[in-house]
């Protein structure tokens, strides 16, 4: 932009000053000042005084443009710095989120491992209880079979006792018909009573 302004000023300058403005554009303010110090007679002449003022104006414009560019660059740098800080903040938040996720994953892993151990222990306890239940059921089955056998034996003994009692009663009746057999019948009766008591104790 400034080079264009200097070029426009240079087009309006006659004679050697056009060359000098070209040098000003090429050398910059410091380099051009050195050149002016060497050629002060030319630029201090009345003929070139007006053009020198225009050149000074162009130098001021160039300096102002440089300052504006510097301000724009600083503003862009501030924006980039703000964006960088914001990005860093987001990065920290993402890192915290990832750390939290990793911690949760570790906790979940430990909980899963504990659950597996508890499940294995529960399976072991279930197996033990199942074995005890099977043993209890087998013992109950054996007890039922023994009870059934005892009931069968009880009925058999009861039937046998009833049969023997009938036989004894028949025998007692026969003996009572004979005078000499009454005493024996009474003895048999006592024997039957004792046998009944023994049988009752067994049952």
N, C-alpha and C. Protein backbone atom coordinates (compact mmCIF):
# COMPACT_ATOMS: atom_id res chain seq x y z
N UNK A 1 0.83 -1.20 0.00
CA UNK A 1 0.00 0.00 0.00
C UNK A 1 0.86 1.25 0.00
N UNK A 2 1.85 1.29 0.93
CA UNK A 2 2.73 2.44 1.02
C UNK A 2 3.58 2.58 -0.23
N UNK A 3 4.02 1.45 -0.75
CA UNK A 3 4.83 1.50 -1.97
C UNK A 3 4.01 2.11 -3.10
N UNK A 4 2.72 1.79 -3.13
CA UNK A 4 1.86 2.38 -4.16
C UNK A 4 1.74 3.88 -4.00
N UNK A 5 1.59 4.38 -2.74
CA UNK A 5 1.51 5.82 -2.49
C UNK A 5 2.79 6.52 -2.89
N UNK A 6 3.91 5.91 -2.50
CA UNK A 6 5.20 6.50 -2.88
C UNK A 6 5.35 6.52 -4.38
N UNK A 7 4.88 5.46 -5.02
CA UNK A 7 4.95 5.42 -6.48
C UNK A 7 4.12 6.53 -7.11
N UNK A 8 2.90 6.78 -6.54
CA UNK A 8 2.06 7.87 -7.04
C UNK A 8 2.74 9.22 -6.86
N UNK A 9 3.36 9.42 -5.67
CA UNK A 9 4.08 10.68 -5.44
C UNK A 9 5.24 10.80 -6.41
N UNK A 10 5.92 9.70 -6.62
CA UNK A 10 7.07 9.72 -7.51
C UNK A 10 6.71 10.08 -8.93
N UNK A 11 5.49 9.69 -9.37
CA UNK A 11 5.07 10.01 -10.74
C UNK A 11 4.92 11.52 -10.94
N UNK A 12 4.58 12.24 -9.83
CA UNK A 12 4.34 13.68 -9.93
C UNK A 12 5.62 14.49 -9.83
N UNK A 13 6.71 13.86 -9.41
CA UNK A 13 7.96 14.58 -9.20
C UNK A 13 8.79 14.59 -10.48
N UNK A 14 9.22 15.79 -10.90
CA UNK A 14 10.09 15.86 -12.09
C UNK A 14 11.54 15.64 -11.70
N UNK A 15 12.29 15.35 -12.63
CA UNK A 15 13.72 15.34 -12.44
C UNK A 15 14.21 14.22 -11.54
N UNK A 16 15.32 14.46 -10.87
CA UNK A 16 16.01 13.42 -10.12
C UNK A 16 15.27 12.96 -8.86
N UNK A 17 14.26 13.77 -8.34
CA UNK A 17 13.60 13.37 -7.11
C UNK A 17 12.76 12.11 -7.28
N UNK A 18 12.26 11.88 -8.51
CA UNK A 18 11.54 10.63 -8.78
C UNK A 18 12.43 9.44 -8.48
N UNK A 19 13.66 9.58 -8.88
CA UNK A 19 14.63 8.54 -8.58
C UNK A 19 14.83 8.41 -7.08
N UNK A 20 14.90 9.57 -6.40
CA UNK A 20 15.11 9.55 -4.95
C UNK A 20 13.94 8.88 -4.22
N UNK A 21 12.69 9.14 -4.65
CA UNK A 21 11.54 8.51 -4.03
C UNK A 21 11.54 7.00 -4.27
N UNK A 22 12.01 6.63 -5.48
CA UNK A 22 12.16 5.20 -5.73
C UNK A 22 13.15 4.58 -4.78
N UNK A 23 14.23 5.33 -4.53
CA UNK A 23 15.21 4.85 -3.55
C UNK A 23 14.61 4.79 -2.15
N UNK A 24 13.78 5.81 -1.83
CA UNK A 24 13.11 5.83 -0.52
C UNK A 24 12.24 4.59 -0.33
N UNK A 25 11.51 4.26 -1.42
CA UNK A 25 10.66 3.07 -1.36
C UNK A 25 11.48 1.81 -1.22
N UNK A 26 12.65 1.80 -1.86
CA UNK A 26 13.48 0.60 -1.85
C UNK A 26 14.32 0.50 -0.58
N UNK A 27 14.84 1.67 -0.10
CA UNK A 27 15.76 1.65 1.03
C UNK A 27 15.07 1.69 2.38
N UNK A 28 13.86 2.23 2.41
CA UNK A 28 13.20 2.41 3.70
C UNK A 28 13.60 3.73 4.32
N UNK A 29 13.01 4.04 5.47
CA UNK A 29 13.21 5.35 6.08
C UNK A 29 14.65 5.55 6.52
N UNK A 30 15.25 4.55 7.16
CA UNK A 30 16.62 4.70 7.67
C UNK A 30 17.63 4.80 6.53
N UNK A 31 17.47 3.91 5.58
CA UNK A 31 18.39 3.95 4.43
C UNK A 31 18.24 5.23 3.61
N UNK A 32 16.99 5.65 3.50
CA UNK A 32 16.74 6.88 2.74
C UNK A 32 17.28 8.10 3.48
N UNK A 33 17.22 8.09 4.83
CA UNK A 33 17.78 9.20 5.61
C UNK A 33 19.27 9.32 5.39
N UNK A 34 19.94 8.17 5.33
CA UNK A 34 21.38 8.19 5.05
C UNK A 34 21.65 8.78 3.66
N UNK A 35 20.77 8.38 2.75
CA UNK A 35 20.94 8.91 1.38
C UNK A 35 20.70 10.41 1.36
N UNK A 36 19.72 10.87 2.16
CA UNK A 36 19.43 12.32 2.21
C UNK A 36 20.60 13.08 2.80
N UNK A 37 21.21 12.53 3.83
CA UNK A 37 22.35 13.20 4.44
C UNK A 37 23.48 13.40 3.45
N UNK A 38 23.61 12.43 2.55
CA UNK A 38 24.65 12.55 1.53
C UNK A 38 24.25 13.52 0.42
N UNK A 39 22.96 13.67 0.20
CA UNK A 39 22.50 14.51 -0.92
C UNK A 39 21.66 15.68 -0.41
N UNK A 40 22.02 16.26 0.75
CA UNK A 40 21.20 17.29 1.39
C UNK A 40 21.06 18.52 0.54
N UNK A 41 22.08 18.86 -0.25
CA UNK A 41 22.00 20.06 -1.08
C UNK A 41 20.88 19.96 -2.09
N UNK A 42 20.69 18.75 -2.65
CA UNK A 42 19.64 18.55 -3.65
C UNK A 42 18.27 18.72 -3.02
N UNK A 43 18.05 18.13 -1.83
CA UNK A 43 16.73 18.13 -1.21
C UNK A 43 16.41 19.42 -0.48
N UNK A 44 17.45 20.24 -0.17
CA UNK A 44 17.21 21.51 0.49
C UNK A 44 17.05 22.67 -0.49
N UNK A 45 17.17 22.40 -1.74
CA UNK A 45 16.99 23.45 -2.74
C UNK A 45 15.53 23.84 -2.81
N UNK A 46 15.26 25.08 -3.14
CA UNK A 46 13.88 25.56 -3.22
C UNK A 46 13.08 24.79 -4.26
N UNK A 47 13.74 24.34 -5.32
CA UNK A 47 13.05 23.65 -6.40
C UNK A 47 12.40 22.37 -5.92
N UNK A 48 13.09 21.66 -4.98
CA UNK A 48 12.59 20.36 -4.54
C UNK A 48 11.95 20.38 -3.15
N UNK A 49 11.77 21.57 -2.58
CA UNK A 49 11.22 21.67 -1.22
C UNK A 49 9.82 21.07 -1.15
N UNK A 50 8.96 21.39 -2.15
CA UNK A 50 7.59 20.87 -2.16
C UNK A 50 7.59 19.35 -2.27
N UNK A 51 8.47 18.84 -3.08
CA UNK A 51 8.50 17.38 -3.26
C UNK A 51 9.07 16.68 -2.03
N UNK A 52 9.97 17.39 -1.33
CA UNK A 52 10.50 16.84 -0.09
C UNK A 52 9.40 16.70 0.97
N UNK A 53 8.51 17.68 1.01
CA UNK A 53 7.38 17.61 1.93
C UNK A 53 6.49 16.42 1.60
N UNK A 54 6.27 16.22 0.29
CA UNK A 54 5.46 15.07 -0.12
C UNK A 54 6.14 13.75 0.25
N UNK A 55 7.46 13.75 0.12
CA UNK A 55 8.20 12.55 0.48
C UNK A 55 8.12 12.29 1.99
N UNK A 56 8.20 13.39 2.77
CA UNK A 56 8.06 13.25 4.22
C UNK A 56 6.68 12.72 4.58
N UNK A 57 5.65 13.24 3.85
CA UNK A 57 4.29 12.76 4.07
C UNK A 57 4.19 11.26 3.75
N UNK A 58 4.82 10.88 2.64
CA UNK A 58 4.81 9.46 2.28
C UNK A 58 5.50 8.62 3.34
N UNK A 59 6.59 9.19 3.92
CA UNK A 59 7.30 8.46 4.99
C UNK A 59 6.40 8.31 6.21
N UNK A 60 5.67 9.40 6.53
CA UNK A 60 4.75 9.34 7.67
C UNK A 60 3.65 8.32 7.43
N UNK A 61 3.14 8.33 6.17
CA UNK A 61 2.10 7.36 5.83
C UNK A 61 2.62 5.93 5.96
N UNK A 62 3.86 5.76 5.48
CA UNK A 62 4.44 4.42 5.58
C UNK A 62 4.59 3.99 7.03
N UNK A 63 5.04 4.94 7.89
CA UNK A 63 5.19 4.63 9.30
C UNK A 63 3.84 4.30 9.94
N UNK A 64 2.78 5.09 9.57
CA UNK A 64 1.45 4.84 10.11
C UNK A 64 0.93 3.48 9.68
N UNK A 65 1.15 3.17 8.39
CA UNK A 65 0.71 1.86 7.89
C UNK A 65 1.43 0.73 8.62
N UNK A 66 2.73 0.94 8.88
CA UNK A 66 3.49 -0.09 9.60
C UNK A 66 2.94 -0.27 11.01
N UNK A 67 2.59 0.88 11.65
CA UNK A 67 2.00 0.78 12.99
C UNK A 67 0.66 0.05 12.95
N UNK A 68 -0.16 0.39 11.92
CA UNK A 68 -1.45 -0.28 11.79
C UNK A 68 -1.26 -1.78 11.59
N UNK A 69 -0.31 -2.12 10.72
CA UNK A 69 -0.03 -3.54 10.50
C UNK A 69 0.44 -4.22 11.78
N UNK A 70 1.26 -3.47 12.56
CA UNK A 70 1.74 -4.03 13.81
C UNK A 70 0.59 -4.26 14.78
N UNK A 71 -0.34 -3.26 14.84
CA UNK A 71 -1.51 -3.42 15.71
C UNK A 71 -2.38 -4.60 15.27
N UNK A 72 -2.57 -4.70 13.94
CA UNK A 72 -3.37 -5.82 13.42
C UNK A 72 -2.70 -7.15 13.75
N UNK A 73 -1.37 -7.18 13.58
CA UNK A 73 -0.64 -8.41 13.89
C UNK A 73 -0.75 -8.75 15.37
N UNK A 74 -0.64 -7.69 16.23
CA UNK A 74 -0.77 -7.93 17.67
C UNK A 74 -2.17 -8.45 18.01
N UNK A 75 -3.19 -7.85 17.35
CA UNK A 75 -4.55 -8.32 17.62
C UNK A 75 -4.70 -9.78 17.19
N UNK A 76 -4.14 -10.12 16.03
CA UNK A 76 -4.21 -11.51 15.58
C UNK A 76 -3.47 -12.44 16.54
N UNK A 77 -2.30 -11.94 17.03
CA UNK A 77 -1.56 -12.76 18.00
C UNK A 77 -2.37 -12.96 19.28
N UNK A 78 -3.06 -11.86 19.72
CA UNK A 78 -3.90 -12.00 20.91
C UNK A 78 -5.02 -13.00 20.68
N UNK A 79 -5.63 -12.93 19.48
CA UNK A 79 -6.68 -13.90 19.15
C UNK A 79 -6.13 -15.32 19.18
N UNK A 80 -4.94 -15.49 18.55
CA UNK A 80 -4.35 -16.82 18.53
C UNK A 80 -4.00 -17.30 19.94
N UNK A 81 -3.48 -16.34 20.75
CA UNK A 81 -3.15 -16.71 22.13
C UNK A 81 -4.41 -17.11 22.90
N UNK A 82 -5.49 -16.30 22.69
CA UNK A 82 -6.76 -16.64 23.35
C UNK A 82 -7.26 -18.00 22.88
N UNK A 83 -7.17 -18.22 21.56
CA UNK A 83 -7.60 -19.52 21.02
C UNK A 83 -6.74 -20.65 21.58
N UNK A 84 -5.43 -20.35 21.70
CA UNK A 84 -4.53 -21.38 22.24
C UNK A 84 -4.87 -21.68 23.70
N UNK A 85 -5.16 -20.60 24.48
CA UNK A 85 -5.55 -20.82 25.88
C UNK A 85 -6.85 -21.60 25.97
N UNK A 86 -7.81 -21.23 25.09
CA UNK A 86 -9.08 -21.96 25.09
C UNK A 86 -8.87 -23.41 24.70
N UNK A 87 -8.03 -23.61 23.66
CA UNK A 87 -7.73 -24.98 23.24
C UNK A 87 -7.04 -25.76 24.36
N UNK A 88 -6.13 -25.07 25.09
CA UNK A 88 -5.46 -25.72 26.20
C UNK A 88 -6.45 -26.09 27.30
N UNK A 89 -7.41 -25.15 27.55
CA UNK A 89 -8.43 -25.44 28.55
C UNK A 89 -9.26 -26.65 28.13
N UNK A 90 -9.66 -26.67 26.85
CA UNK A 90 -10.42 -27.82 26.35
C UNK A 90 -9.58 -29.10 26.45
N UNK A 91 -8.29 -28.96 26.13
CA UNK A 91 -7.41 -30.13 26.21
C UNK A 91 -7.32 -30.66 27.64
N UNK A 92 -7.20 -29.71 28.60
CA UNK A 92 -7.16 -30.13 30.01
C UNK A 92 -8.46 -30.80 30.42
N UNK A 93 -9.60 -30.22 29.97
CA UNK A 93 -10.89 -30.82 30.30
C UNK A 93 -11.02 -32.22 29.70
N UNK A 94 -10.57 -32.34 28.44
CA UNK A 94 -10.63 -33.66 27.79
C UNK A 94 -9.72 -34.65 28.52
N UNK A 95 -8.53 -34.17 28.93
CA UNK A 95 -7.60 -35.04 29.66
C UNK A 95 -8.22 -35.49 30.99
N UNK A 96 -8.86 -34.53 31.70
CA UNK A 96 -9.52 -34.89 32.96
C UNK A 96 -10.63 -35.90 32.72
N UNK A 97 -11.39 -35.67 31.64
CA UNK A 97 -12.47 -36.61 31.31
C UNK A 97 -11.90 -38.00 31.00
N UNK A 98 -10.81 -38.04 30.24
CA UNK A 98 -10.19 -39.32 29.92
C UNK A 98 -9.64 -40.00 31.18
N UNK A 99 -9.00 -39.19 32.06
CA UNK A 99 -8.50 -39.77 33.31
C UNK A 99 -9.64 -40.34 34.14
N UNK A 100 -10.75 -39.57 34.19
CA UNK A 100 -11.91 -40.06 34.94
C UNK A 100 -12.46 -41.35 34.32
N UNK A 101 -12.49 -41.38 32.97
CA UNK A 101 -12.98 -42.58 32.29
C UNK A 101 -12.08 -43.78 32.57
N UNK A 102 -10.76 -43.54 32.57
CA UNK A 102 -9.81 -44.62 32.87
C UNK A 102 -10.00 -45.12 34.30
N UNK A 103 -10.19 -44.15 35.23
CA UNK A 103 -10.41 -44.55 36.63
C UNK A 103 -11.69 -45.37 36.77
N UNK A 104 -12.75 -44.93 36.07
CA UNK A 104 -14.00 -45.68 36.12
C UNK A 104 -13.81 -47.08 35.52
N UNK A 105 -13.04 -47.14 34.42
CA UNK A 105 -12.79 -48.45 33.80
C UNK A 105 -12.02 -49.37 34.75
N UNK A 106 -11.03 -48.80 35.47
CA UNK A 106 -10.29 -49.61 36.43
C UNK A 106 -11.20 -50.10 37.55
N UNK A 107 -12.07 -49.18 38.05
CA UNK A 107 -13.02 -49.58 39.10
C UNK A 107 -13.96 -50.67 38.61
N UNK A 108 -14.44 -50.50 37.37
CA UNK A 108 -15.34 -51.51 36.80
C UNK A 108 -14.62 -52.85 36.65
N UNK A 109 -13.35 -52.80 36.26
CA UNK A 109 -12.57 -54.04 36.12
C UNK A 109 -12.42 -54.74 37.47
N UNK A 110 -12.07 -53.96 38.50
CA UNK A 110 -11.93 -54.54 39.84
C UNK A 110 -13.25 -55.12 40.33
N UNK A 111 -14.34 -54.36 40.09
CA UNK A 111 -15.66 -54.85 40.50
C UNK A 111 -16.02 -56.14 39.77
N UNK A 112 -15.67 -56.20 38.47
CA UNK A 112 -15.96 -57.41 37.68
C UNK A 112 -15.15 -58.59 38.22
N UNK A 113 -13.86 -58.35 38.51
CA UNK A 113 -13.03 -59.44 39.04
C UNK A 113 -13.57 -59.92 40.39
N UNK A 114 -13.98 -58.98 41.25
CA UNK A 114 -14.55 -59.37 42.55
C UNK A 114 -15.85 -60.14 42.36
N UNK A 115 -16.66 -59.67 41.40
CA UNK A 115 -17.92 -60.38 41.13
C UNK A 115 -17.65 -61.80 40.64
N UNK A 116 -16.62 -61.97 39.81
CA UNK A 116 -16.28 -63.32 39.34
C UNK A 116 -15.82 -64.21 40.49
N UNK A 117 -15.00 -63.62 41.41
CA UNK A 117 -14.57 -64.40 42.58
C UNK A 117 -15.76 -64.77 43.46
N UNK A 118 -16.66 -63.79 43.66
CA UNK A 118 -17.86 -64.07 44.46
C UNK A 118 -18.71 -65.14 43.80
N UNK A 119 -18.79 -65.08 42.46
CA UNK A 119 -19.59 -66.07 41.74
C UNK A 119 -18.97 -67.47 41.88
N UNK A 120 -17.63 -67.52 41.79
CA UNK A 120 -16.96 -68.82 41.97
C UNK A 120 -17.19 -69.36 43.38
N UNK A 121 -17.11 -68.46 44.38
CA UNK A 121 -17.36 -68.89 45.75
C UNK A 121 -18.80 -69.35 45.91
N UNK A 122 -19.73 -68.60 45.28
CA UNK A 122 -21.14 -68.99 45.36
C UNK A 122 -21.38 -70.35 44.70
N UNK A 123 -20.71 -70.58 43.55
CA UNK A 123 -20.84 -71.88 42.89
C UNK A 123 -20.33 -73.00 43.79
N UNK A 124 -19.19 -72.73 44.47
CA UNK A 124 -18.64 -73.74 45.38
C UNK A 124 -19.61 -74.03 46.52
N UNK A 125 -20.19 -72.96 47.10
CA UNK A 125 -21.15 -73.16 48.19
C UNK A 125 -22.40 -73.90 47.70
N UNK A 126 -22.84 -73.55 46.48
CA UNK A 126 -24.02 -74.23 45.92
C UNK A 126 -23.73 -75.72 45.71
N UNK A 127 -22.50 -76.01 45.23
CA UNK A 127 -22.13 -77.43 45.05
C UNK A 127 -22.13 -78.17 46.38
N UNK A 128 -21.59 -77.50 47.43
CA UNK A 128 -21.58 -78.14 48.76
C UNK A 128 -23.00 -78.36 49.27
N UNK A 129 -23.85 -77.32 49.13
CA UNK A 129 -25.24 -77.45 49.59
C UNK A 129 -26.00 -78.51 48.79
N UNK A 130 -25.71 -78.57 47.48
CA UNK A 130 -26.36 -79.59 46.64
C UNK A 130 -25.97 -80.99 47.09
N UNK A 131 -24.66 -81.16 47.39
CA UNK A 131 -24.21 -82.47 47.88
C UNK A 131 -24.88 -82.82 49.21
N UNK A 132 -24.97 -81.82 50.11
CA UNK A 132 -25.63 -82.08 51.39
C UNK A 132 -27.10 -82.41 51.20
N UNK A 133 -27.74 -81.69 50.25
CA UNK A 133 -29.15 -81.96 49.98
C UNK A 133 -29.34 -83.37 49.42
N UNK A 134 -28.44 -83.76 48.50
CA UNK A 134 -28.52 -85.12 47.95
C UNK A 134 -28.32 -86.16 49.05
N UNK A 135 -27.33 -85.89 49.93
CA UNK A 135 -27.11 -86.84 51.04
C UNK A 135 -28.33 -86.91 51.95
N UNK A 136 -28.93 -85.73 52.22
CA UNK A 136 -30.13 -85.70 53.07
C UNK A 136 -31.28 -86.46 52.42
N UNK A 137 -31.45 -86.24 51.11
CA UNK A 137 -32.52 -86.93 50.39
C UNK A 137 -32.29 -88.44 50.38
N UNK A 138 -31.02 -88.84 50.19
CA UNK A 138 -30.71 -90.28 50.23
C UNK A 138 -30.98 -90.85 51.62
N UNK A 139 -30.56 -90.08 52.66
CA UNK A 139 -30.81 -90.56 54.03
C UNK A 139 -32.31 -90.62 54.31
N UNK A 140 -33.04 -89.62 53.79
CA UNK A 140 -34.49 -89.64 53.98
C UNK A 140 -35.11 -90.84 53.27
N UNK A 141 -34.60 -91.11 52.06
CA UNK A 141 -35.11 -92.26 51.31
C UNK A 141 -34.84 -93.56 52.07
N UNK A 142 -33.62 -93.67 52.61
CA UNK A 142 -33.27 -94.87 53.38
C UNK A 142 -34.16 -94.98 54.62
N UNK A 143 -34.39 -93.81 55.27
CA UNK A 143 -35.24 -93.83 56.47
C UNK A 143 -36.67 -94.24 56.12
N UNK A 144 -37.17 -93.73 54.99
CA UNK A 144 -38.52 -94.11 54.56
C UNK A 144 -38.60 -95.60 54.28
N UNK A 145 -37.56 -96.11 53.57
CA UNK A 145 -37.54 -97.54 53.27
C UNK A 145 -37.48 -98.36 54.57
N UNK A 146 -36.66 -97.87 55.53
CA UNK A 146 -36.57 -98.59 56.81
C UNK A 146 -37.90 -98.54 57.56
N UNK A 147 -38.56 -97.36 57.50
CA UNK A 147 -39.85 -97.23 58.16
C UNK A 147 -40.89 -98.14 57.52
N UNK A 148 -40.86 -98.19 56.19
CA UNK A 148 -41.79 -99.08 55.50
C UNK A 148 -41.52 -100.55 55.86
N UNK A 149 -40.22 -100.88 55.92
CA UNK A 149 -39.87 -102.25 56.30
C UNK A 149 -40.31 -102.55 57.73
N UNK A 150 -40.13 -101.54 58.63
CA UNK A 150 -40.56 -101.73 60.02
C UNK A 150 -42.06 -101.89 60.12
N UNK A 151 -42.78 -101.07 59.33
CA UNK A 151 -44.24 -101.21 59.32
C UNK A 151 -44.67 -102.59 58.80
N UNK A 152 -43.96 -103.04 57.76
CA UNK A 152 -44.26 -104.38 57.23
C UNK A 152 -44.01 -105.46 58.26
N UNK A 153 -42.86 -105.31 58.95
CA UNK A 153 -42.54 -106.28 60.00
C UNK A 153 -43.54 -106.21 61.14
N UNK A 154 -43.98 -104.99 61.45
CA UNK A 154 -44.98 -104.81 62.51
C UNK A 154 -46.29 -105.52 62.16
N UNK A 155 -46.74 -105.30 60.90
CA UNK A 155 -47.97 -105.97 60.47
C UNK A 155 -47.79 -107.49 60.46
N UNK A 156 -46.61 -107.94 60.04
CA UNK A 156 -46.36 -109.39 60.00
C UNK A 156 -46.40 -109.98 61.40
N UNK A 157 -45.74 -109.30 62.35
CA UNK A 157 -45.73 -109.79 63.73
C UNK A 157 -47.13 -109.75 64.33
N UNK A 158 -47.86 -108.67 64.00
CA UNK A 158 -49.23 -108.57 64.52
C UNK A 158 -50.10 -109.70 63.98
N UNK A 159 -49.97 -109.97 62.69
CA UNK A 159 -50.75 -111.07 62.09
C UNK A 159 -50.35 -112.42 62.69
N UNK A 160 -49.04 -112.54 62.86
CA UNK A 160 -48.55 -113.81 63.43
C UNK A 160 -49.04 -113.98 64.87
N UNK A 161 -49.04 -112.89 65.63
CA UNK A 161 -49.52 -112.95 67.02
C UNK A 161 -51.01 -113.27 67.07
N UNK A 162 -51.74 -112.66 66.14
CA UNK A 162 -53.19 -112.94 66.11
C UNK A 162 -53.45 -114.41 65.80
N UNK A 163 -52.66 -114.94 64.84
CA UNK A 163 -52.83 -116.35 64.47
C UNK A 163 -52.49 -117.26 65.65
N UNK A 164 -51.41 -116.95 66.35
CA UNK A 164 -51.02 -117.78 67.49
C UNK A 164 -52.04 -117.67 68.62
N UNK A 165 -52.59 -116.43 68.76
CA UNK A 165 -53.59 -116.25 69.81
C UNK A 165 -54.83 -117.09 69.53
N UNK A 166 -55.20 -117.13 68.26
CA UNK A 166 -56.37 -117.96 67.89
C UNK A 166 -56.09 -119.44 68.18
N UNK A 167 -54.89 -119.86 67.84
CA UNK A 167 -54.53 -121.26 68.11
C UNK A 167 -54.54 -121.55 69.61
N UNK A 168 -54.00 -120.61 70.39
CA UNK A 168 -53.96 -120.81 71.85
C UNK A 168 -55.36 -120.86 72.43
N UNK A 169 -56.23 -119.97 71.92
CA UNK A 169 -57.62 -119.97 72.41
C UNK A 169 -58.32 -121.29 72.10
N UNK A 170 -58.04 -121.78 70.91
CA UNK A 170 -58.63 -123.09 70.55
C UNK A 170 -58.12 -124.17 71.50
N UNK A 171 -56.79 -124.12 71.73
CA UNK A 171 -56.20 -125.12 72.61
C UNK A 171 -56.73 -124.97 74.04
N UNK A 172 -56.91 -123.73 74.49
CA UNK A 172 -57.44 -123.50 75.83
C UNK A 172 -58.87 -124.06 75.96
N UNK A 173 -59.64 -123.85 74.90
CA UNK A 173 -61.02 -124.36 74.92
C UNK A 173 -61.03 -125.88 75.04
N UNK A 174 -60.14 -126.51 74.29
CA UNK A 174 -60.06 -127.97 74.34
C UNK A 174 -59.64 -128.43 75.73
N UNK A 175 -58.66 -127.73 76.34
CA UNK A 175 -58.18 -128.14 77.65
C UNK A 175 -59.22 -127.91 78.74
N UNK A 176 -60.00 -126.84 78.59
CA UNK A 176 -61.02 -126.55 79.60
C UNK A 176 -62.10 -127.63 79.63
N UNK A 177 -62.26 -128.28 78.50
CA UNK A 177 -63.27 -129.34 78.47
C UNK A 177 -62.82 -130.55 79.28
N UNK A 178 -61.53 -130.66 79.51
CA UNK A 178 -60.99 -131.76 80.31
C UNK A 178 -60.69 -131.24 81.72
N UNK A 179 -61.17 -131.96 82.80
CA UNK A 179 -60.94 -131.48 84.17
C UNK A 179 -59.47 -131.32 84.50
N UNK A 180 -58.65 -132.21 84.05
CA UNK A 180 -57.23 -132.14 84.36
C UNK A 180 -56.53 -131.03 83.59
N UNK A 181 -57.15 -130.53 82.56
CA UNK A 181 -56.47 -129.53 81.72
C UNK A 181 -56.75 -128.10 82.11
N UNK A 182 -57.54 -127.87 83.19
CA UNK A 182 -57.86 -126.48 83.53
C UNK A 182 -56.62 -125.71 84.01
N UNK A 183 -55.84 -126.39 84.86
CA UNK A 183 -54.62 -125.73 85.36
C UNK A 183 -53.68 -125.40 84.22
N UNK A 184 -53.52 -126.32 83.31
CA UNK A 184 -52.66 -126.07 82.15
C UNK A 184 -53.22 -124.94 81.30
N UNK A 185 -54.54 -124.85 81.22
CA UNK A 185 -55.15 -123.77 80.44
C UNK A 185 -54.87 -122.43 81.07
N UNK A 186 -54.92 -122.38 82.42
CA UNK A 186 -54.62 -121.11 83.10
C UNK A 186 -53.16 -120.71 82.88
N UNK A 187 -52.30 -121.72 82.94
CA UNK A 187 -50.88 -121.43 82.67
C UNK A 187 -50.68 -120.92 81.24
N UNK A 188 -51.38 -121.53 80.34
CA UNK A 188 -51.30 -121.08 78.93
C UNK A 188 -51.83 -119.67 78.80
N UNK A 189 -52.90 -119.35 79.55
CA UNK A 189 -53.48 -118.00 79.49
C UNK A 189 -52.46 -116.98 79.98
N UNK A 190 -51.79 -117.32 81.11
CA UNK A 190 -50.75 -116.40 81.62
C UNK A 190 -49.62 -116.22 80.60
N UNK A 191 -49.25 -117.32 79.95
CA UNK A 191 -48.20 -117.25 78.93
C UNK A 191 -48.62 -116.37 77.77
N UNK A 192 -49.91 -116.46 77.41
CA UNK A 192 -50.41 -115.61 76.31
C UNK A 192 -50.36 -114.15 76.69
N UNK A 193 -50.73 -113.85 77.95
CA UNK A 193 -50.69 -112.46 78.42
C UNK A 193 -49.26 -111.92 78.38
N UNK A 194 -48.30 -112.71 78.86
CA UNK A 194 -46.90 -112.28 78.83
C UNK A 194 -46.41 -112.05 77.40
N UNK A 195 -46.83 -112.92 76.52
CA UNK A 195 -46.43 -112.79 75.11
C UNK A 195 -47.00 -111.53 74.50
N UNK A 196 -48.27 -111.22 74.88
CA UNK A 196 -48.88 -109.98 74.37
C UNK A 196 -48.10 -108.75 74.85
N UNK A 197 -47.71 -108.79 76.11
CA UNK A 197 -46.95 -107.65 76.65
C UNK A 197 -45.61 -107.50 75.95
N UNK A 198 -44.93 -108.63 75.72
CA UNK A 198 -43.65 -108.57 75.00
C UNK A 198 -43.83 -108.03 73.59
N UNK A 199 -44.90 -108.49 72.94
CA UNK A 199 -45.18 -108.02 71.58
C UNK A 199 -45.50 -106.54 71.57
N UNK A 200 -46.27 -106.07 72.58
CA UNK A 200 -46.60 -104.64 72.66
C UNK A 200 -45.34 -103.81 72.84
N UNK A 201 -44.40 -104.32 73.63
CA UNK A 201 -43.14 -103.59 73.82
C UNK A 201 -42.34 -103.51 72.52
N UNK A 202 -42.36 -104.60 71.77
CA UNK A 202 -41.63 -104.60 70.49
C UNK A 202 -42.26 -103.64 69.49
N UNK A 203 -43.58 -103.54 69.48
CA UNK A 203 -44.28 -102.68 68.53
C UNK A 203 -44.23 -101.23 68.98
